[in-house]
């Protein structure tokens, strides 16, 4: 298993989660510019990375 790649995926997922939390907070406080589709894009990217992480973790060698 490529642990360096997996570590990068974990870091990227954490970055996306932080951006999504910030986006959600801005939406909660009434920032009208937030409703631009960014949340769905972030959620889609998070899902893709999470699926890739799960596949690597459950793949051969585990």
N, C-alpha and C. Protein backbone atom coordinates (compact mmCIF):
# COMPACT_ATOMS: atom_id res chain seq x y z
N UNK A 1 0.85 -1.18 0.00
CA UNK A 1 0.00 0.00 0.00
C UNK A 1 0.90 1.24 0.00
N UNK A 2 0.48 2.23 -0.70
CA UNK A 2 1.22 3.48 -0.79
C UNK A 2 0.76 4.41 0.35
N UNK A 3 1.49 4.35 1.46
CA UNK A 3 1.11 5.13 2.65
C UNK A 3 1.27 6.63 2.45
N UNK A 4 2.22 7.03 1.63
CA UNK A 4 2.41 8.46 1.36
C UNK A 4 1.18 9.01 0.63
N UNK A 5 0.71 8.27 -0.36
CA UNK A 5 -0.48 8.69 -1.11
C UNK A 5 -1.70 8.72 -0.20
N UNK A 6 -1.84 7.69 0.65
CA UNK A 6 -2.97 7.64 1.57
C UNK A 6 -2.92 8.82 2.55
N UNK A 7 -1.74 9.14 3.03
CA UNK A 7 -1.59 10.28 3.93
C UNK A 7 -1.99 11.58 3.23
N UNK A 8 -1.64 11.72 1.97
CA UNK A 8 -2.05 12.91 1.21
C UNK A 8 -3.56 12.97 1.04
N UNK A 9 -4.17 11.81 0.82
CA UNK A 9 -5.63 11.78 0.70
C UNK A 9 -6.29 12.20 2.00
N UNK A 10 -5.76 11.72 3.13
CA UNK A 10 -6.30 12.13 4.43
C UNK A 10 -6.19 13.64 4.61
N UNK A 11 -5.05 14.19 4.25
CA UNK A 11 -4.84 15.63 4.39
C UNK A 11 -5.78 16.41 3.48
N UNK A 12 -5.94 15.93 2.26
CA UNK A 12 -6.83 16.62 1.32
C UNK A 12 -8.28 16.56 1.80
N UNK A 13 -8.67 15.40 2.35
CA UNK A 13 -10.03 15.28 2.87
C UNK A 13 -10.24 16.24 4.03
N UNK A 14 -9.26 16.38 4.91
CA UNK A 14 -9.36 17.31 6.03
C UNK A 14 -9.50 18.75 5.54
N UNK A 15 -8.75 19.10 4.49
CA UNK A 15 -8.86 20.45 3.91
C UNK A 15 -10.26 20.70 3.37
N UNK A 16 -10.79 19.73 2.64
CA UNK A 16 -12.13 19.87 2.06
C UNK A 16 -13.20 19.95 3.15
N UNK A 17 -13.04 19.16 4.21
CA UNK A 17 -13.99 19.21 5.31
C UNK A 17 -13.97 20.58 5.98
N UNK A 18 -12.79 21.15 6.15
CA UNK A 18 -12.67 22.48 6.75
C UNK A 18 -13.33 23.53 5.87
N UNK A 19 -13.11 23.43 4.56
CA UNK A 19 -13.74 24.38 3.64
C UNK A 19 -15.26 24.25 3.67
N UNK A 20 -15.75 23.02 3.75
CA UNK A 20 -17.19 22.80 3.80
C UNK A 20 -17.78 23.35 5.10
N UNK A 21 -17.09 23.16 6.21
CA UNK A 21 -17.56 23.71 7.48
C UNK A 21 -17.63 25.23 7.42
N UNK A 22 -16.62 25.85 6.85
CA UNK A 22 -16.61 27.30 6.70
C UNK A 22 -17.76 27.76 5.80
N UNK A 23 -17.94 27.04 4.71
CA UNK A 23 -19.02 27.37 3.77
C UNK A 23 -20.38 27.26 4.46
N UNK A 24 -20.58 26.18 5.22
CA UNK A 24 -21.85 25.99 5.94
C UNK A 24 -22.07 27.08 6.98
N UNK A 25 -21.00 27.47 7.67
CA UNK A 25 -21.11 28.53 8.67
C UNK A 25 -21.50 29.86 8.02
N UNK A 26 -20.88 30.15 6.89
CA UNK A 26 -21.22 31.40 6.19
C UNK A 26 -22.68 31.38 5.76
N UNK A 27 -23.16 30.23 5.31
CA UNK A 27 -24.56 30.11 4.90
C UNK A 27 -25.48 30.33 6.09
N UNK A 28 -25.12 29.76 7.24
CA UNK A 28 -25.95 29.91 8.44
C UNK A 28 -26.06 31.37 8.88
N UNK A 29 -25.02 32.16 8.62
CA UNK A 29 -25.03 33.55 9.02
C UNK A 29 -25.55 34.49 7.94
N UNK A 30 -26.12 33.92 6.88
CA UNK A 30 -26.83 34.72 5.90
C UNK A 30 -26.01 35.33 4.79
N UNK A 31 -24.87 34.80 4.50
CA UNK A 31 -24.06 35.30 3.39
C UNK A 31 -24.70 34.83 2.08
N UNK A 32 -25.30 35.76 1.34
CA UNK A 32 -26.03 35.41 0.13
C UNK A 32 -25.14 34.88 -1.00
N UNK A 33 -23.87 35.23 -0.98
CA UNK A 33 -22.97 34.79 -2.04
C UNK A 33 -22.60 33.32 -1.91
N UNK A 34 -22.99 32.69 -0.83
CA UNK A 34 -22.61 31.31 -0.55
C UNK A 34 -23.38 30.31 -1.40
N UNK A 35 -24.60 30.61 -1.76
CA UNK A 35 -25.46 29.67 -2.49
C UNK A 35 -25.10 29.65 -3.97
N UNK A 36 -23.88 29.16 -4.26
CA UNK A 36 -23.39 29.17 -5.63
C UNK A 36 -23.01 27.78 -6.14
N UNK A 37 -23.41 26.75 -5.40
CA UNK A 37 -23.09 25.38 -5.80
C UNK A 37 -21.79 24.86 -5.21
N UNK A 38 -21.10 25.70 -4.46
CA UNK A 38 -19.83 25.29 -3.87
C UNK A 38 -20.02 24.12 -2.92
N UNK A 39 -21.10 24.15 -2.14
CA UNK A 39 -21.31 23.07 -1.17
C UNK A 39 -21.46 21.72 -1.84
N UNK A 40 -22.20 21.65 -2.92
CA UNK A 40 -22.38 20.37 -3.61
C UNK A 40 -21.07 19.90 -4.24
N UNK A 41 -20.28 20.84 -4.75
CA UNK A 41 -18.98 20.48 -5.31
C UNK A 41 -18.06 19.93 -4.23
N UNK A 42 -18.02 20.60 -3.08
CA UNK A 42 -17.18 20.13 -1.98
C UNK A 42 -17.63 18.76 -1.49
N UNK A 43 -18.93 18.58 -1.36
CA UNK A 43 -19.46 17.29 -0.90
C UNK A 43 -19.13 16.17 -1.89
N UNK A 44 -19.21 16.47 -3.17
CA UNK A 44 -18.89 15.47 -4.19
C UNK A 44 -17.41 15.08 -4.13
N UNK A 45 -16.55 16.08 -4.01
CA UNK A 45 -15.11 15.81 -3.92
C UNK A 45 -14.77 15.04 -2.65
N UNK A 46 -15.42 15.40 -1.54
CA UNK A 46 -15.22 14.66 -0.28
C UNK A 46 -15.64 13.20 -0.44
N UNK A 47 -16.74 12.97 -1.08
CA UNK A 47 -17.23 11.61 -1.29
C UNK A 47 -16.24 10.81 -2.13
N UNK A 48 -15.73 11.42 -3.20
CA UNK A 48 -14.78 10.73 -4.07
C UNK A 48 -13.51 10.36 -3.31
N UNK A 49 -12.99 11.29 -2.52
CA UNK A 49 -11.76 11.03 -1.76
C UNK A 49 -12.02 9.97 -0.69
N UNK A 50 -13.16 10.04 -0.03
CA UNK A 50 -13.49 9.05 1.00
C UNK A 50 -13.61 7.65 0.40
N UNK A 51 -14.21 7.56 -0.78
CA UNK A 51 -14.32 6.28 -1.46
C UNK A 51 -12.94 5.73 -1.84
N UNK A 52 -12.06 6.60 -2.30
CA UNK A 52 -10.71 6.18 -2.67
C UNK A 52 -9.94 5.71 -1.43
N UNK A 53 -10.09 6.43 -0.33
CA UNK A 53 -9.44 6.03 0.92
C UNK A 53 -9.96 4.66 1.36
N UNK A 54 -11.27 4.48 1.32
CA UNK A 54 -11.85 3.20 1.72
C UNK A 54 -11.35 2.06 0.84
N UNK A 55 -11.24 2.31 -0.44
CA UNK A 55 -10.76 1.28 -1.36
C UNK A 55 -9.31 0.92 -1.06
N UNK A 56 -8.50 1.92 -0.77
CA UNK A 56 -7.09 1.66 -0.44
C UNK A 56 -6.95 0.91 0.88
N UNK A 57 -7.77 1.29 1.85
CA UNK A 57 -7.68 0.66 3.16
C UNK A 57 -8.17 -0.78 3.15
N UNK A 58 -9.10 -1.10 2.28
CA UNK A 58 -9.65 -2.46 2.25
C UNK A 58 -9.06 -3.30 1.14
N UNK A 59 -8.14 -2.73 0.39
CA UNK A 59 -7.54 -3.43 -0.73
C UNK A 59 -6.55 -4.49 -0.30
N UNK A 60 -5.82 -5.03 -1.26
CA UNK A 60 -4.84 -6.07 -0.98
C UNK A 60 -3.81 -5.60 0.06
N UNK A 61 -3.41 -6.53 0.88
CA UNK A 61 -2.43 -6.19 1.92
C UNK A 61 -3.07 -5.77 3.22
N UNK A 62 -4.38 -5.79 3.27
CA UNK A 62 -5.10 -5.41 4.50
C UNK A 62 -5.78 -6.62 5.08
